[in-house]
Structures are given as C-alpha cells and as structure tokens.
C-alpha cells in the first residue's frame, strides 16, 4: 500500500514539473522505493496532459529576383524585315522579288473588287507616286501653271489670263479665266473643272470627279456655254470701251490735283519730242532693271516688303502719268489746229485719250466681218504702236520737266 502511494506521488510530481517548465524533461528512468525500475516513457504516457515545447518558426525563402526585360527592335528595309533583341542573335525575314510580286498582284486584285466609294477614297495607291506636295491653293495671274506628274496640290488651282497644264493631281477645283486647261493622261482632278473664254483639252485616261464647265468655247465633255466669235468680239470691243472710260476717270482725278504740272509736261512732250522719247526709253529699260533689283533687295526683310510694293506701284503710276501727258499734248495740238476757242486741260485731255483709244475700239468692232481680218489686225498693230510711243514720250517729258515743275521756255525769234 505504501509502495503504491509512493508511485502515485512520483507521477503527480512529474506532471506538475511539466506544467512549471516545458523545457524540463523526465529522466530516462528511475527506481521506486522497492528498487523497481520505471521507464520515463511509461511515466509520460500515464500523464493526463503533456505540454510540448514551442517550435522555432521555419526560415522564409528569399524572393526570386525579377528577370531583366529584353528590348526588341524591328527594322524594315528594302532587303527585308530585321528583328533584333538584347542578348539574342539577329533574325532576318526576307521576301524575294517573286513572292513580293505575287503579294502585290493579290492586293491589286482585292482593290479592284472594292466598292466605288472606297475605291475613290483609297485611289488604288495612286498617291504614292507624288513626291512634291503643295498644301495651299495655287493662284497665279498672267503666268502659266504647270503641275508635273509627280506633283499633288492639296487645294484649288486658279489661273487668270494664262493656261493650266495638269499632269499630276489636284485635290480641289481647277479654274482658268481667260485661259485653257490641258489634262494629261494621268491627270486627276477631284473637284470641278471650269474654263472661262478658254478650252479644256483632256487626254484619254484623265479623271475629273466633279463637273466640267466651259464658258466661251466648245468642249467635247461637260457643260458648255457657247459664246461664239460674236460674243468674243463683243467682249473685246467692250473691254476697249471700258478701258477708255477708266482712263478718262483717272484723268479727271489727276488733273484736279496737278493740272498745271501736267500742262508743263505736255508742253515739253510736244516741243521736245525726240528728247522726251529718248529719256522715256532710258527710263523704261534702265528704270525697270533698277526697280526690279531694289524691290528684290527690299523684299528680303519683312519691313522692306511694303516699301518694295510702293516702289513698283510708283513705277507703274509713272507710266500712267506719261500716258496722260501725251494725251494732253495730243489734245492740245488738235485743239489748236481746229481753232478751238476754249482752253481747258480737261477737254484737251479727253480729246487726246479718245484719239489714242479710237483705233483699238474700231478694230474691236470689226470682228463680225471675216473679210476685215487683215484691216483689223493692221489697226490693232498701229494702235498699239501709237500708244507705246505716247506712253514713252510722256514719261520722258515728265522726267525732263522734273515732274512738271519746269515750264518750257518759248522759242526765241531772231529779229531781222
């Protein structure tokens, strides 16, 4: 009985020791009071509760380093497609000429089956042949416009008093006033085509996607407004009359400001004709070159552009004054020969302008009779020559008289 109690006490002490310290372990074996050997495993197995020691946390594995990104480069050349990346060898994808021709033929066959609207948008790759592109409208006066086969104008093309030749493509409208339009076999006009008092000549293969209107002459395609020879002749004659009226109005304005100066200059024109004509020729040739050079020099800077424009306008105004000086001199001469009592620069100027313009007006109204063609041409040539001499002489007289400030001294008669 005592031995049994001693064994129970030993078990209880072992259990309490396990609660107090988890690090304490039971001995491998012990002997009871009677010398019986008891294994530690048996003691532990008979315990009601055993607290195991805490385990250390398992070490975490370090994160794997991120892989470095590689850069790839793709190059397209005439030889093929080249693919290259960092740390790798180059890869070349080439296409031989035979396969390329096959691909082009397949693409062309697909484009032929497109609807008309899409076909007009893509133009079957036609824009690839244009190397020179103008992004603005093209407008010129008195200068022929030529659009080459490799040119594309991204706007309208307008010419006044000259012709238009198109071999390339125009995205906008084309209009020629007092001129004709010529379209080459590969010409393309996306807009409308208009010619006033001109012709439209189109070669086979040219494309005009808008309307075509020709006013004044015959055209095989498009809308035509025939004027005919009678209409053209009336227009030319009317232009002469309008020019005469405008010149008279300018004379009234100029004479109202510098009537005396114009009278002094006209006296030099009638009294020193050869001298005035020679000075006028010198001003025409030397002055034109000088004004052109100075205008180019002034136009280099932005500030000098207005001065260059004023210089050119002044030079043109000088020839207009010369025309009025000669007209006044001619009118004064005719008035003296006709014994006109009224001395008026306005009347004399009107007479002179009428005489200088009458040959052109008569030639303009001789269009209706084809038998008068030679006489009409002769009158036009004579009228142009007379007007040229009048302008040059008047300019020279205006220069010799220093702008009309020097009156011409009367001729002195030698007493007998």
Protein backbone atom coordinates (compact mmCIF):
# COMPACT_ATOMS: atom_id res chain seq x y z
CA UNK A 1 0.00 0.00 0.00
CA UNK A 2 2.82 2.36 0.87
CA UNK A 3 4.62 1.49 -2.33
CA UNK A 4 1.51 2.24 -4.38
CA UNK A 5 1.15 5.64 -2.73
CA UNK A 6 4.79 6.42 -3.33
CA UNK A 7 4.39 5.64 -7.06
CA UNK A 8 1.33 7.87 -7.34
CA UNK A 9 3.12 10.73 -5.66
CA UNK A 10 6.02 10.40 -8.07
CA UNK A 11 3.65 10.59 -11.07
CA UNK A 12 1.96 13.68 -9.67
CA UNK A 13 5.28 15.43 -9.14
CA UNK A 14 6.30 14.69 -12.72
CA UNK A 15 3.06 16.14 -14.11
CA UNK A 16 3.47 19.33 -12.03
CA UNK A 17 7.06 19.69 -13.20
CA UNK A 18 5.81 19.53 -16.85
CA UNK A 19 3.43 22.43 -16.23
CA UNK A 20 6.08 24.54 -14.49
CA UNK A 21 8.70 24.29 -17.16
CA UNK A 22 8.21 22.97 -20.65
CA UNK A 23 11.97 22.67 -21.00
CA UNK A 24 12.21 20.10 -18.21
CA UNK A 25 12.30 16.52 -19.34
CA UNK A 26 11.68 13.41 -17.31
CA UNK A 27 14.72 11.32 -16.57
CA UNK A 28 15.29 8.37 -18.71
CA UNK A 29 14.40 6.12 -15.77
CA UNK A 30 14.16 5.92 -12.01
CA UNK A 31 13.72 3.37 -9.35
CA UNK A 32 10.91 3.30 -6.88
CA UNK A 33 11.32 2.61 -3.23
CA UNK A 34 11.22 -1.12 -3.85
CA UNK A 35 14.04 -0.92 -6.46
CA UNK A 36 11.69 -1.36 -9.43
CA UNK A 37 12.88 0.42 -12.46
CA UNK A 38 10.31 2.61 -14.17
CA UNK A 39 10.93 3.98 -17.69
CA UNK A 40 10.39 7.68 -18.35
CA UNK A 41 8.34 6.87 -21.38
CA UNK A 42 5.94 4.97 -19.24
CA UNK A 43 5.64 7.85 -16.83
CA UNK A 44 4.87 10.30 -19.57
CA UNK A 45 2.35 8.04 -21.21
CA UNK A 46 0.45 7.76 -17.92
CA UNK A 47 0.24 11.54 -17.59
CA UNK A 48 -3.08 13.21 -18.38
CA UNK A 49 -1.66 16.29 -20.13
CA UNK A 50 1.85 16.99 -21.53
CA UNK A 51 2.85 20.42 -22.91
CA UNK A 52 5.31 20.15 -25.78
CA UNK A 53 7.99 22.82 -26.15
CA UNK A 54 7.30 25.56 -28.76
CA UNK A 55 9.00 25.09 -32.14
CA UNK A 56 11.08 27.86 -33.76
CA UNK A 57 9.47 29.35 -36.95
CA UNK A 58 10.81 27.95 -40.19
CA UNK A 59 13.07 30.39 -42.06
CA UNK A 60 11.40 32.07 -45.09
CA UNK A 61 12.93 31.68 -48.53
CA UNK A 62 14.22 34.91 -50.11
CA UNK A 63 12.12 36.17 -53.09
CA UNK A 64 13.33 35.28 -56.52
CA UNK A 65 14.96 38.22 -58.36
CA UNK A 66 12.87 39.67 -61.25
CA UNK A 67 14.00 38.76 -64.65
CA UNK A 68 15.57 41.61 -66.64
CA UNK A 69 13.38 42.79 -69.53
CA UNK A 70 14.82 42.48 -73.00
CA UNK A 71 14.41 45.16 -75.64
CA UNK A 72 13.40 44.11 -79.14
CA UNK A 73 13.98 46.16 -82.25
CA UNK A 74 12.29 45.67 -85.62
CA UNK A 75 13.83 47.28 -88.70
CA UNK A 76 12.13 47.28 -92.12
CA UNK A 77 14.44 47.84 -95.09
CA UNK A 78 14.43 47.08 -98.79
CA UNK A 79 16.26 43.84 -98.03
CA UNK A 80 13.59 42.56 -95.65
CA UNK A 81 12.44 42.72 -92.02
CA UNK A 82 15.18 42.57 -89.38
CA UNK A 83 14.34 41.59 -85.76
CA UNK A 84 16.98 42.19 -83.07
CA UNK A 85 16.81 41.97 -79.25
CA UNK A 86 19.28 42.32 -76.36
CA UNK A 87 21.20 39.16 -75.64
CA UNK A 88 19.97 37.37 -78.73
CA UNK A 89 21.07 36.94 -82.26
CA UNK A 90 19.61 38.85 -85.18
CA UNK A 91 16.75 37.33 -87.13
CA UNK A 92 16.23 38.38 -90.75
CA UNK A 93 12.93 37.81 -92.54
CA UNK A 94 13.41 38.47 -96.24
CA UNK A 95 10.96 38.36 -99.12
CA UNK A 96 12.25 37.66 -102.60
CA UNK A 97 11.05 39.58 -105.63
CA UNK A 98 8.87 36.76 -106.95
CA UNK A 99 6.88 36.47 -103.72
CA UNK A 100 6.64 40.25 -103.49
CA UNK A 101 5.17 40.42 -107.00
CA UNK A 102 2.64 37.75 -106.06
CA UNK A 103 1.63 39.70 -102.95
CA UNK A 104 1.24 42.90 -104.95
CA UNK A 105 -0.92 41.17 -107.53
CA UNK A 106 -3.17 39.72 -104.82
CA UNK A 107 -3.53 43.13 -103.17
CA UNK A 108 -4.30 44.75 -106.51
CA UNK A 109 -6.94 42.12 -107.24
CA UNK A 110 -8.58 42.81 -103.87
CA UNK A 111 -8.57 46.56 -104.53
CA UNK A 112 -10.28 46.06 -107.88
CA UNK A 113 -13.23 44.46 -106.15
CA UNK A 114 -13.74 47.38 -103.73
CA UNK A 115 -16.94 49.46 -103.94
CA UNK A 116 -16.74 52.69 -105.88
CA UNK A 117 -16.88 54.84 -102.74
CA UNK A 118 -13.96 53.01 -101.10
CA UNK A 119 -12.10 52.93 -104.38
CA UNK A 120 -12.32 56.73 -104.58
CA UNK A 121 -11.03 57.05 -101.02
CA UNK A 122 -8.03 54.75 -101.39
CA UNK A 123 -7.38 55.70 -105.03
CA UNK A 124 -5.75 52.29 -105.56
CA UNK A 125 -2.47 53.64 -104.16
CA UNK A 126 -2.21 56.41 -106.76
CA UNK A 127 -0.91 58.98 -104.26
CA UNK A 128 2.29 57.03 -103.76
CA UNK A 129 3.79 58.43 -106.96
CA UNK A 130 3.58 62.08 -105.87
CA UNK A 131 6.85 63.30 -104.39
CA UNK A 132 6.09 67.04 -104.33
CA UNK A 133 3.03 68.13 -102.36
CA UNK A 134 1.67 71.69 -102.08
CA UNK A 135 -0.64 72.17 -99.09
CA UNK A 136 -2.06 75.54 -100.19
CA UNK A 137 -4.12 76.89 -103.06
CA UNK A 138 -2.24 77.80 -106.22
CA UNK A 139 -3.33 81.13 -107.75
CA UNK A 140 -1.40 83.00 -110.46
CA UNK A 141 -2.16 85.97 -112.70
CA UNK A 142 -0.74 86.10 -116.20
CA UNK A 143 1.55 83.13 -115.56
CA UNK A 144 1.18 79.63 -116.93
CA UNK A 145 0.64 76.97 -114.27
CA UNK A 146 2.20 73.56 -114.83
CA UNK A 147 1.61 70.67 -112.39
CA UNK A 148 4.06 67.87 -113.09
CA UNK A 149 3.32 64.14 -113.00
CA UNK A 150 4.88 63.84 -109.53
CA UNK A 151 3.06 66.87 -108.02
CA UNK A 152 -0.04 66.95 -105.82
CA UNK A 153 -1.84 70.19 -104.96
CA UNK A 154 -3.87 69.90 -101.76
CA UNK A 155 -6.17 72.79 -102.68
CA UNK A 156 -7.59 74.74 -105.63
CA UNK A 157 -5.74 75.84 -108.78
CA UNK A 158 -6.76 79.17 -110.34
CA UNK A 159 -5.17 80.97 -113.29
CA UNK A 160 -6.18 84.40 -114.63
CA UNK A 161 -5.03 85.29 -118.12
CA UNK A 162 -2.97 82.12 -118.66
CA UNK A 163 -3.31 78.38 -119.25
CA UNK A 164 -3.19 75.47 -116.79
CA UNK A 165 -1.42 72.20 -117.60
CA UNK A 166 -2.05 69.30 -115.21
CA UNK A 167 -0.09 66.06 -115.30
CA UNK A 168 -0.44 65.23 -111.59
CA UNK A 169 -3.31 65.51 -109.13
CA UNK A 170 -5.41 68.39 -107.75
CA UNK A 171 -7.48 67.72 -104.65
CA UNK A 172 -9.70 70.81 -105.12
CA UNK A 173 -11.22 72.72 -108.05
CA UNK A 174 -9.47 73.95 -111.21
CA UNK A 175 -10.48 77.27 -112.82
CA UNK A 176 -8.91 79.09 -115.77
CA UNK A 177 -10.19 82.61 -116.52
CA UNK A 178 -9.18 83.82 -119.99
CA UNK A 179 -7.18 80.64 -120.37
CA UNK A 180 -7.38 76.97 -121.28
CA UNK A 181 -6.89 73.78 -119.26
CA UNK A 182 -4.93 70.78 -120.52
CA UNK A 183 -5.15 67.43 -118.74
CA UNK A 184 -2.54 64.74 -119.33
CA UNK A 185 -3.28 61.01 -119.47
CA UNK A 186 -2.56 60.59 -115.73
CA UNK A 187 -4.13 63.86 -114.54
CA UNK A 188 -6.64 63.68 -111.70
CA UNK A 189 -8.95 66.48 -110.54
CA UNK A 190 -11.08 65.67 -107.51
CA UNK A 191 -13.16 68.85 -107.74
CA UNK A 192 -14.81 70.80 -110.53
CA UNK A 193 -13.15 71.98 -113.73
CA UNK A 194 -14.09 75.43 -115.11
CA UNK A 195 -12.70 77.37 -118.10
CA UNK A 196 -13.96 80.86 -118.99
CA UNK A 197 -13.19 82.06 -122.53
CA UNK A 198 -10.84 79.15 -122.98
CA UNK A 199 -10.76 75.48 -123.85
CA UNK A 200 -10.49 72.19 -121.98
CA UNK A 201 -8.36 69.53 -123.65
CA UNK A 202 -8.39 66.12 -121.97
CA UNK A 203 -6.34 63.14 -122.98
CA UNK A 204 -7.59 59.60 -122.56
CA UNK A 205 -7.04 58.38 -119.02
CA UNK A 206 -7.53 61.74 -117.29
CA UNK A 207 -10.02 61.82 -114.42
CA UNK A 208 -12.32 64.68 -113.37
CA UNK A 209 -14.56 63.63 -110.48
CA UNK A 210 -16.56 66.88 -110.40
CA UNK A 211 -18.48 68.80 -113.04
CA UNK A 212 -16.77 70.31 -116.09
CA UNK A 213 -17.94 73.72 -117.33
CA UNK A 214 -16.55 75.58 -120.33
CA UNK A 215 -17.82 79.11 -120.96
CA UNK A 216 -16.99 80.61 -124.32
CA UNK A 217 -15.70 77.75 -126.45
CA UNK A 218 -16.56 74.24 -127.45
CA UNK A 219 -15.71 71.26 -125.30
CA UNK A 220 -16.42 67.62 -126.05
CA UNK A 221 -17.20 66.68 -122.44
CA UNK A 222 -19.07 68.53 -119.73
CA UNK A 223 -21.28 71.58 -119.64
CA UNK A 224 -20.58 74.24 -122.27
CA UNK A 225 -21.85 77.81 -122.53
CA UNK A 226 -21.08 78.84 -126.11
CA UNK A 227 -20.38 82.49 -126.74
CA UNK A 228 -19.00 82.12 -130.25
CA UNK A 229 -17.00 84.58 -132.33
CA UNK A 230 -19.66 87.27 -131.99
CA UNK A 231 -19.60 87.08 -128.20
CA UNK A 232 -15.80 87.13 -128.09
CA UNK A 233 -15.66 90.10 -130.43
CA UNK A 234 -18.21 91.99 -128.38
CA UNK A 235 -16.28 91.22 -125.24
CA UNK A 236 -13.00 92.53 -126.72
CA UNK A 237 -14.67 95.66 -128.05
CA UNK A 238 -16.43 96.24 -124.74
CA UNK A 239 -13.11 95.88 -122.92
CA UNK A 240 -11.66 98.67 -125.06
CA UNK A 241 -14.59 100.92 -124.21
CA UNK A 242 -14.30 100.15 -120.50
CA UNK A 243 -10.57 100.92 -120.59
CA UNK A 244 -11.32 104.26 -122.26
CA UNK A 245 -13.86 105.18 -119.58
CA UNK A 246 -11.50 104.21 -116.75
CA UNK A 247 -8.69 106.27 -118.28
CA UNK A 248 -10.95 109.33 -118.52
CA UNK A 249 -11.91 108.97 -114.85
CA UNK A 250 -8.24 108.73 -113.85
CA UNK A 251 -7.51 111.82 -115.93
CA UNK A 252 -10.16 113.80 -114.08
CA UNK A 253 -8.69 112.78 -110.72
CA UNK A 254 -5.08 113.56 -111.69
CA UNK A 255 -5.86 116.87 -113.40
CA UNK A 256 -7.84 118.05 -110.38
CA UNK A 257 -4.62 117.92 -108.31
CA UNK A 258 -1.73 118.68 -110.67
CA UNK A 259 -3.29 120.31 -113.75
CA UNK A 260 -0.51 122.90 -114.13
CA UNK A 261 2.24 120.35 -113.82
CA UNK A 262 0.59 118.19 -116.46
CA UNK A 263 0.34 121.20 -118.78
CA UNK A 264 4.04 121.97 -118.34
CA UNK A 265 5.00 118.35 -119.01
CA UNK A 266 2.76 118.18 -122.11
CA UNK A 267 4.49 121.33 -123.46
CA UNK A 268 7.84 119.51 -123.21
CA UNK A 269 6.34 116.44 -124.95
CA UNK A 270 5.09 118.46 -127.94
CA UNK A 271 8.06 120.85 -128.10
CA UNK A 272 10.92 118.35 -127.49
CA UNK A 273 9.51 115.12 -128.86
CA UNK A 274 12.77 113.31 -129.66
CA UNK A 275 14.39 114.29 -126.38
CA UNK A 276 11.37 113.19 -124.40
CA UNK A 277 11.14 109.90 -126.32
CA UNK A 278 14.81 109.12 -125.72
CA UNK A 279 14.59 109.85 -122.00
CA UNK A 280 11.46 107.71 -121.84
CA UNK A 281 13.25 104.74 -123.44
CA UNK A 282 16.09 105.12 -120.96
CA UNK A 283 13.63 105.14 -118.07
CA UNK A 284 11.83 102.09 -119.49
CA UNK A 285 14.89 99.85 -119.74
CA UNK A 286 17.22 101.17 -117.03
CA UNK A 287 14.38 102.03 -114.66
CA UNK A 288 12.83 98.58 -114.98
CA UNK A 289 16.10 96.87 -114.09
CA UNK A 290 16.78 99.28 -111.22
CA UNK A 291 13.29 98.92 -109.75
CA UNK A 292 13.45 95.13 -110.04
CA UNK A 293 16.80 94.93 -108.24
CA UNK A 294 15.76 97.34 -105.49
CA UNK A 295 12.47 95.51 -104.98
CA UNK A 296 14.25 92.19 -104.56
CA UNK A 297 16.70 93.69 -102.07
CA UNK A 298 13.92 95.36 -100.08
CA UNK A 299 11.74 92.26 -100.10
CA UNK A 300 14.40 90.26 -98.22
CA UNK A 301 13.29 91.81 -94.93
CA UNK A 302 9.73 91.97 -93.67
CA UNK A 303 9.97 95.71 -93.08
CA UNK A 304 11.11 96.30 -96.65
CA UNK A 305 8.24 94.43 -98.33
CA UNK A 306 5.77 97.37 -98.15
CA UNK A 307 8.47 99.68 -99.47
CA UNK A 308 9.13 97.32 -102.37
CA UNK A 309 5.42 97.20 -103.22
CA UNK A 310 5.17 101.01 -103.12
CA UNK A 311 8.23 101.27 -105.35
CA UNK A 312 6.69 99.02 -108.01
CA UNK A 313 3.34 100.83 -107.83
CA UNK A 314 5.07 104.19 -108.17
CA UNK A 315 6.92 102.98 -111.26
CA UNK A 316 3.64 101.82 -112.82
CA UNK A 317 1.97 105.13 -111.89
CA UNK A 318 4.80 106.96 -113.70
CA UNK A 319 3.81 105.30 -116.98
CA UNK A 320 0.16 106.13 -116.38
CA UNK A 321 1.12 109.79 -115.91
CA UNK A 322 3.16 109.57 -119.10
CA UNK A 323 0.10 108.34 -121.00
CA UNK A 324 -1.97 111.26 -119.68
CA UNK A 325 0.80 113.75 -120.52
CA UNK A 326 0.92 112.55 -124.13
CA UNK A 327 -2.89 112.54 -124.34
CA UNK A 328 -2.97 116.16 -123.13
CA UNK A 329 -0.26 117.15 -125.61
CA UNK A 330 -2.13 115.43 -128.47
CA UNK A 331 -5.45 117.00 -127.48
CA UNK A 332 -3.89 120.48 -127.21
CA UNK A 333 -2.30 120.07 -130.66
CA UNK A 334 -5.61 119.02 -132.25
CA UNK A 335 -7.45 121.85 -130.49
CA UNK A 336 -5.00 124.42 -131.89
CA UNK A 337 -5.35 123.01 -135.39
CA UNK A 338 -9.12 123.06 -135.14
CA UNK A 339 -9.09 126.64 -133.76
CA UNK A 340 -10.98 125.69 -130.63
CA UNK A 341 -11.55 128.79 -128.56
CA UNK A 342 -11.97 127.03 -125.22
CA UNK A 343 -8.71 126.33 -123.43
CA UNK A 344 -9.35 123.57 -120.92
CA UNK A 345 -6.97 120.83 -119.85
CA UNK A 346 -9.95 118.54 -119.23
CA UNK A 347 -11.28 118.97 -122.77
CA UNK A 348 -7.85 118.60 -124.32
CA UNK A 349 -7.14 115.54 -122.21
CA UNK A 350 -10.44 113.93 -123.20
CA UNK A 351 -9.73 114.56 -126.88
CA UNK A 352 -6.25 113.07 -126.61
CA UNK A 353 -7.43 109.95 -124.77
CA UNK A 354 -10.18 109.41 -127.33
CA UNK A 355 -7.73 109.70 -130.23
CA UNK A 356 -5.32 107.25 -128.63
CA UNK A 357 -8.08 104.71 -127.95
CA UNK A 358 -10.14 105.05 -131.14
CA UNK A 359 -8.01 102.70 -133.25
CA UNK A 360 -8.35 99.88 -130.74
CA UNK A 361 -12.10 100.45 -130.39
CA UNK A 362 -12.64 100.37 -134.16
CA UNK A 363 -10.54 97.22 -134.50
CA UNK A 364 -12.56 95.60 -131.71
CA UNK A 365 -15.86 96.17 -133.54
CA UNK A 366 -14.57 94.79 -136.85
CA UNK A 367 -14.92 91.20 -135.65
CA UNK A 368 -18.26 90.47 -137.36
CA UNK A 369 -16.83 90.58 -140.89
CA UNK A 370 -14.12 87.97 -141.59
CA UNK A 371 -13.05 89.92 -144.71
CA UNK A 372 -11.93 92.72 -142.42
CA UNK A 373 -9.47 90.49 -140.62
CA UNK A 374 -6.31 91.96 -142.23
CA UNK A 375 -7.52 95.53 -141.73
CA UNK A 376 -8.44 94.75 -138.15
CA UNK A 377 -5.02 93.29 -137.44
CA UNK A 378 -3.36 96.32 -139.02
CA UNK A 379 -5.39 98.75 -136.91
CA UNK A 380 -4.54 96.85 -133.75
CA UNK A 381 -0.83 96.91 -134.55
CA UNK A 382 -0.86 100.62 -135.41
CA UNK A 383 -2.92 101.45 -132.33
CA UNK A 384 -0.56 99.54 -130.04
CA UNK A 385 2.49 101.24 -131.57
CA UNK A 386 0.94 104.69 -131.20
CA UNK A 387 0.05 104.05 -127.57
CA UNK A 388 3.57 102.75 -126.84
CA UNK A 389 5.18 105.86 -128.33
CA UNK A 390 2.74 108.08 -126.43
CA UNK A 391 3.49 106.45 -123.09
CA UNK A 392 7.29 106.54 -123.56
CA UNK A 393 7.25 110.17 -124.74
CA UNK A 394 5.00 111.26 -121.90
CA UNK A 395 7.25 109.57 -119.31
CA UNK A 396 10.31 111.25 -120.78
CA UNK A 397 8.60 114.66 -120.82
CA UNK A 398 7.51 114.25 -117.21
CA UNK A 399 11.10 113.43 -116.19
CA UNK A 400 12.64 116.27 -118.25
CA UNK A 401 10.24 118.79 -116.76
CA UNK A 402 11.09 117.44 -113.27
CA UNK A 403 7.58 116.33 -112.61
CA UNK A 404 6.01 119.26 -114.45
CA UNK A 405 7.65 121.87 -112.19
CA UNK A 406 9.65 123.46 -115.07
CA UNK A 407 7.61 125.18 -117.78
CA UNK A 408 9.07 125.02 -121.26
CA UNK A 409 10.64 128.30 -122.38
CA UNK A 410 9.12 129.70 -125.58
CA UNK A 411 11.22 129.70 -128.73
CA UNK A 412 13.13 132.92 -129.36
CA UNK A 413 12.77 134.51 -132.82
CA UNK A 414 15.77 136.23 -134.41
CA UNK A 415 14.98 139.81 -135.46
CA UNK A 416 15.90 140.71 -139.00
